[in-house]
Amino acid sequence: MFGTIVVLLVAAGAFLVIWKIGIGLLRSLGTPIPPPPPAGELRRVNVRYRCSLCGTELRMTLATDEEPVPPRHCMEEMDVFRIMD
């Protein structure tokens, strides 16, 4: 008798946890995408950088400034590889 009650309580608890997780996932899928930031905060740029040590390349398309500060890779600033218009 006591074992049956424990099994039922554990099953009810597991059901509630699974139910809450499922409802949370469905709500997260139903929320709309947040609006983009206001105009003027980010500027369109098209700059490619290359690390002089390992050769990793990076393309930057949005930045807060017209001429962004080069990112750092391998503990050094990356070199401007190509500025595309």
N, C-alpha and C. Protein backbone atom coordinates (compact mmCIF):
# COMPACT_ATOMS: atom_id res chain seq x y z
N MET A 1 0.81 -1.19 0.00
CA MET A 1 0.00 0.00 0.00
C MET A 1 0.86 1.26 0.00
N PHE A 2 1.85 1.28 0.92
CA PHE A 2 2.71 2.46 1.02
C PHE A 2 3.53 2.65 -0.25
N GLY A 3 3.99 1.56 -0.84
CA GLY A 3 4.79 1.60 -2.08
C GLY A 3 4.00 2.15 -3.24
N THR A 4 2.72 1.83 -3.31
CA THR A 4 1.87 2.30 -4.40
C THR A 4 1.68 3.81 -4.32
N ILE A 5 1.52 4.33 -3.12
CA ILE A 5 1.34 5.78 -2.92
C ILE A 5 2.62 6.51 -3.32
N VAL A 6 3.77 5.99 -2.96
CA VAL A 6 5.05 6.63 -3.31
C VAL A 6 5.23 6.64 -4.83
N VAL A 7 4.92 5.53 -5.47
CA VAL A 7 5.04 5.44 -6.93
C VAL A 7 4.11 6.45 -7.59
N LEU A 8 2.88 6.58 -7.10
CA LEU A 8 1.94 7.55 -7.67
C LEU A 8 2.41 8.99 -7.45
N LEU A 9 2.97 9.30 -6.30
CA LEU A 9 3.48 10.65 -6.04
C LEU A 9 4.68 10.98 -6.93
N VAL A 10 5.56 10.02 -7.11
CA VAL A 10 6.72 10.23 -7.99
C VAL A 10 6.25 10.42 -9.43
N ALA A 11 5.27 9.62 -9.86
CA ALA A 11 4.75 9.74 -11.22
C ALA A 11 4.06 11.08 -11.42
N ALA A 12 3.30 11.54 -10.42
CA ALA A 12 2.64 12.84 -10.53
C ALA A 12 3.67 13.98 -10.57
N GLY A 13 4.71 13.86 -9.77
CA GLY A 13 5.77 14.87 -9.79
C GLY A 13 6.49 14.91 -11.13
N ALA A 14 6.80 13.75 -11.68
CA ALA A 14 7.46 13.69 -12.99
C ALA A 14 6.57 14.25 -14.07
N PHE A 15 5.25 13.95 -13.99
CA PHE A 15 4.30 14.51 -14.95
C PHE A 15 4.29 16.03 -14.90
N LEU A 16 4.26 16.60 -13.70
CA LEU A 16 4.24 18.06 -13.56
C LEU A 16 5.51 18.70 -14.10
N VAL A 17 6.66 18.08 -13.84
CA VAL A 17 7.94 18.63 -14.34
C VAL A 17 7.97 18.59 -15.86
N ILE A 18 7.58 17.46 -16.45
CA ILE A 18 7.57 17.34 -17.91
C ILE A 18 6.57 18.32 -18.51
N TRP A 19 5.40 18.47 -17.88
CA TRP A 19 4.37 19.40 -18.35
C TRP A 19 4.90 20.83 -18.35
N LYS A 20 5.55 21.25 -17.26
CA LYS A 20 6.08 22.61 -17.16
C LYS A 20 7.15 22.86 -18.22
N ILE A 21 8.04 21.90 -18.43
CA ILE A 21 9.09 22.04 -19.44
C ILE A 21 8.47 22.14 -20.83
N GLY A 22 7.49 21.31 -21.12
CA GLY A 22 6.83 21.34 -22.43
C GLY A 22 6.13 22.66 -22.69
N ILE A 23 5.39 23.16 -21.71
CA ILE A 23 4.69 24.44 -21.86
C ILE A 23 5.71 25.57 -22.03
N GLY A 24 6.80 25.52 -21.29
CA GLY A 24 7.84 26.55 -21.43
C GLY A 24 8.45 26.56 -22.82
N LEU A 25 8.72 25.38 -23.36
CA LEU A 25 9.28 25.29 -24.71
C LEU A 25 8.30 25.82 -25.75
N LEU A 26 7.04 25.46 -25.62
CA LEU A 26 6.04 25.96 -26.58
C LEU A 26 5.89 27.48 -26.49
N ARG A 27 5.94 28.02 -25.30
CA ARG A 27 5.84 29.49 -25.16
C ARG A 27 7.07 30.18 -25.75
N SER A 28 8.24 29.59 -25.60
CA SER A 28 9.44 30.21 -26.16
C SER A 28 9.41 30.20 -27.68
N LEU A 29 8.79 29.18 -28.27
CA LEU A 29 8.67 29.13 -29.72
C LEU A 29 7.65 30.15 -30.23
N GLY A 30 6.68 30.49 -29.41
CA GLY A 30 5.63 31.40 -29.83
C GLY A 30 5.93 32.87 -29.64
N THR A 31 7.00 33.21 -28.93
CA THR A 31 7.31 34.63 -28.71
C THR A 31 7.93 35.22 -29.98
N PRO A 32 7.56 36.45 -30.34
CA PRO A 32 8.10 37.05 -31.55
C PRO A 32 9.57 37.45 -31.38
N ILE A 33 10.24 37.64 -32.50
CA ILE A 33 11.64 38.08 -32.51
C ILE A 33 11.68 39.53 -32.04
N PRO A 34 12.63 39.90 -31.18
CA PRO A 34 12.69 41.29 -30.73
C PRO A 34 12.98 42.23 -31.89
N PRO A 35 12.49 43.47 -31.83
CA PRO A 35 12.71 44.40 -32.93
C PRO A 35 14.20 44.75 -33.07
N PRO A 36 14.63 45.14 -34.27
CA PRO A 36 16.04 45.50 -34.45
C PRO A 36 16.36 46.78 -33.69
N PRO A 37 17.63 47.04 -33.41
CA PRO A 37 18.00 48.26 -32.68
C PRO A 37 17.64 49.49 -33.50
N PRO A 38 17.44 50.62 -32.84
CA PRO A 38 17.09 51.85 -33.56
C PRO A 38 18.16 52.22 -34.59
N ALA A 39 17.70 52.88 -35.64
CA ALA A 39 18.63 53.30 -36.70
C ALA A 39 19.65 54.26 -36.13
N GLY A 40 20.87 54.14 -36.59
CA GLY A 40 21.94 55.02 -36.14
C GLY A 40 22.84 54.38 -35.10
N GLU A 41 22.40 53.33 -34.44
CA GLU A 41 23.25 52.69 -33.45
C GLU A 41 24.33 51.84 -34.11
N LEU A 42 23.96 51.11 -35.15
CA LEU A 42 24.94 50.30 -35.87
C LEU A 42 25.04 50.81 -37.30
N ARG A 43 26.25 50.82 -37.83
CA ARG A 43 26.49 51.26 -39.20
C ARG A 43 26.89 50.05 -40.03
N ARG A 44 26.52 50.10 -41.30
CA ARG A 44 26.92 49.03 -42.21
C ARG A 44 28.36 49.28 -42.65
N VAL A 45 29.18 48.28 -42.44
CA VAL A 45 30.56 48.30 -42.92
C VAL A 45 30.80 46.95 -43.59
N ASN A 46 31.81 46.87 -44.41
CA ASN A 46 32.16 45.61 -45.06
C ASN A 46 33.68 45.52 -45.10
N VAL A 47 34.26 45.08 -44.00
CA VAL A 47 35.71 45.04 -43.85
C VAL A 47 36.12 43.61 -43.54
N ARG A 48 37.21 43.16 -44.15
CA ARG A 48 37.78 41.85 -43.85
C ARG A 48 39.10 42.03 -43.12
N TYR A 49 39.28 41.22 -42.10
CA TYR A 49 40.53 41.24 -41.32
C TYR A 49 41.18 39.88 -41.43
N ARG A 50 42.51 39.86 -41.30
CA ARG A 50 43.27 38.61 -41.32
C ARG A 50 44.31 38.64 -40.21
N CYS A 51 44.42 37.54 -39.49
CA CYS A 51 45.44 37.42 -38.45
C CYS A 51 46.78 37.13 -39.11
N SER A 52 47.79 37.91 -38.76
CA SER A 52 49.10 37.74 -39.38
C SER A 52 49.83 36.50 -38.87
N LEU A 53 49.41 35.96 -37.73
CA LEU A 53 50.09 34.80 -37.17
C LEU A 53 49.52 33.47 -37.67
N CYS A 54 48.20 33.33 -37.65
CA CYS A 54 47.61 32.03 -38.00
C CYS A 54 46.81 32.06 -39.29
N GLY A 55 46.53 33.23 -39.84
CA GLY A 55 45.82 33.33 -41.11
C GLY A 55 44.30 33.31 -41.00
N THR A 56 43.76 33.38 -39.80
CA THR A 56 42.31 33.41 -39.64
C THR A 56 41.75 34.69 -40.22
N GLU A 57 40.66 34.56 -40.98
CA GLU A 57 40.02 35.73 -41.58
C GLU A 57 38.68 35.99 -40.91
N LEU A 58 38.30 37.27 -40.86
CA LEU A 58 37.06 37.68 -40.24
C LEU A 58 36.42 38.76 -41.10
N ARG A 59 35.12 38.65 -41.34
CA ARG A 59 34.41 39.68 -42.09
C ARG A 59 33.47 40.41 -41.14
N MET A 60 33.57 41.73 -41.09
CA MET A 60 32.72 42.54 -40.23
C MET A 60 31.74 43.29 -41.12
N THR A 61 30.45 43.15 -40.83
CA THR A 61 29.43 43.81 -41.64
C THR A 61 28.70 44.92 -40.90
N LEU A 62 28.70 44.90 -39.57
CA LEU A 62 28.07 45.94 -38.78
C LEU A 62 29.03 46.39 -37.69
N ALA A 63 29.06 47.69 -37.45
CA ALA A 63 29.92 48.23 -36.41
C ALA A 63 29.31 49.52 -35.89
N THR A 64 29.77 49.96 -34.73
CA THR A 64 29.26 51.21 -34.18
C THR A 64 29.94 52.42 -34.80
N ASP A 65 31.12 52.25 -35.34
CA ASP A 65 31.87 53.34 -35.98
C ASP A 65 32.03 53.05 -37.47
N GLU A 66 32.34 54.10 -38.23
CA GLU A 66 32.59 53.89 -39.66
C GLU A 66 33.88 53.11 -39.88
N GLU A 67 34.89 53.40 -39.07
CA GLU A 67 36.14 52.65 -39.13
C GLU A 67 36.33 51.94 -37.79
N PRO A 68 35.87 50.70 -37.67
CA PRO A 68 35.95 50.01 -36.38
C PRO A 68 37.38 49.66 -36.00
N VAL A 69 37.59 49.50 -34.72
CA VAL A 69 38.89 49.07 -34.21
C VAL A 69 39.10 47.62 -34.61
N PRO A 70 40.28 47.26 -35.13
CA PRO A 70 40.52 45.87 -35.54
C PRO A 70 40.38 44.91 -34.36
N PRO A 71 39.75 43.78 -34.57
CA PRO A 71 39.63 42.80 -33.49
C PRO A 71 40.99 42.17 -33.17
N ARG A 72 41.06 41.50 -32.02
CA ARG A 72 42.31 40.87 -31.61
C ARG A 72 42.19 39.36 -31.77
N HIS A 73 43.26 38.75 -32.27
CA HIS A 73 43.32 37.30 -32.42
C HIS A 73 44.77 36.90 -32.21
N CYS A 74 45.02 35.82 -31.55
CA CYS A 74 46.38 35.36 -31.21
C CYS A 74 47.14 36.45 -30.44
N MET A 75 46.40 37.18 -29.62
CA MET A 75 46.95 38.23 -28.75
C MET A 75 47.50 39.44 -29.52
N GLU A 76 47.17 39.59 -30.80
CA GLU A 76 47.58 40.74 -31.60
C GLU A 76 46.40 41.25 -32.39
N GLU A 77 46.45 42.54 -32.77
CA GLU A 77 45.40 43.09 -33.61
C GLU A 77 45.48 42.48 -35.00
N MET A 78 44.32 42.24 -35.58
CA MET A 78 44.28 41.67 -36.93
C MET A 78 44.54 42.77 -37.95
N ASP A 79 45.10 42.40 -39.10
CA ASP A 79 45.40 43.35 -40.17
C ASP A 79 44.19 43.49 -41.07
N VAL A 80 43.98 44.71 -41.60
CA VAL A 80 42.91 44.93 -42.57
C VAL A 80 43.32 44.22 -43.85
N PHE A 81 42.50 43.28 -44.27
CA PHE A 81 42.79 42.49 -45.46
C PHE A 81 42.17 43.11 -46.69
N ARG A 82 40.89 43.48 -46.60
CA ARG A 82 40.20 44.04 -47.74
C ARG A 82 39.04 44.89 -47.26
N ILE A 83 38.91 46.08 -47.81
CA ILE A 83 37.74 46.93 -47.54
C ILE A 83 36.87 46.85 -48.77
N MET A 84 35.68 46.30 -48.62
CA MET A 84 34.77 46.11 -49.74
C MET A 84 33.72 47.22 -49.71
N ASP A 85 33.33 47.68 -50.86
CA ASP A 85 32.30 48.73 -50.93
C ASP A 85 30.99 48.18 -51.40
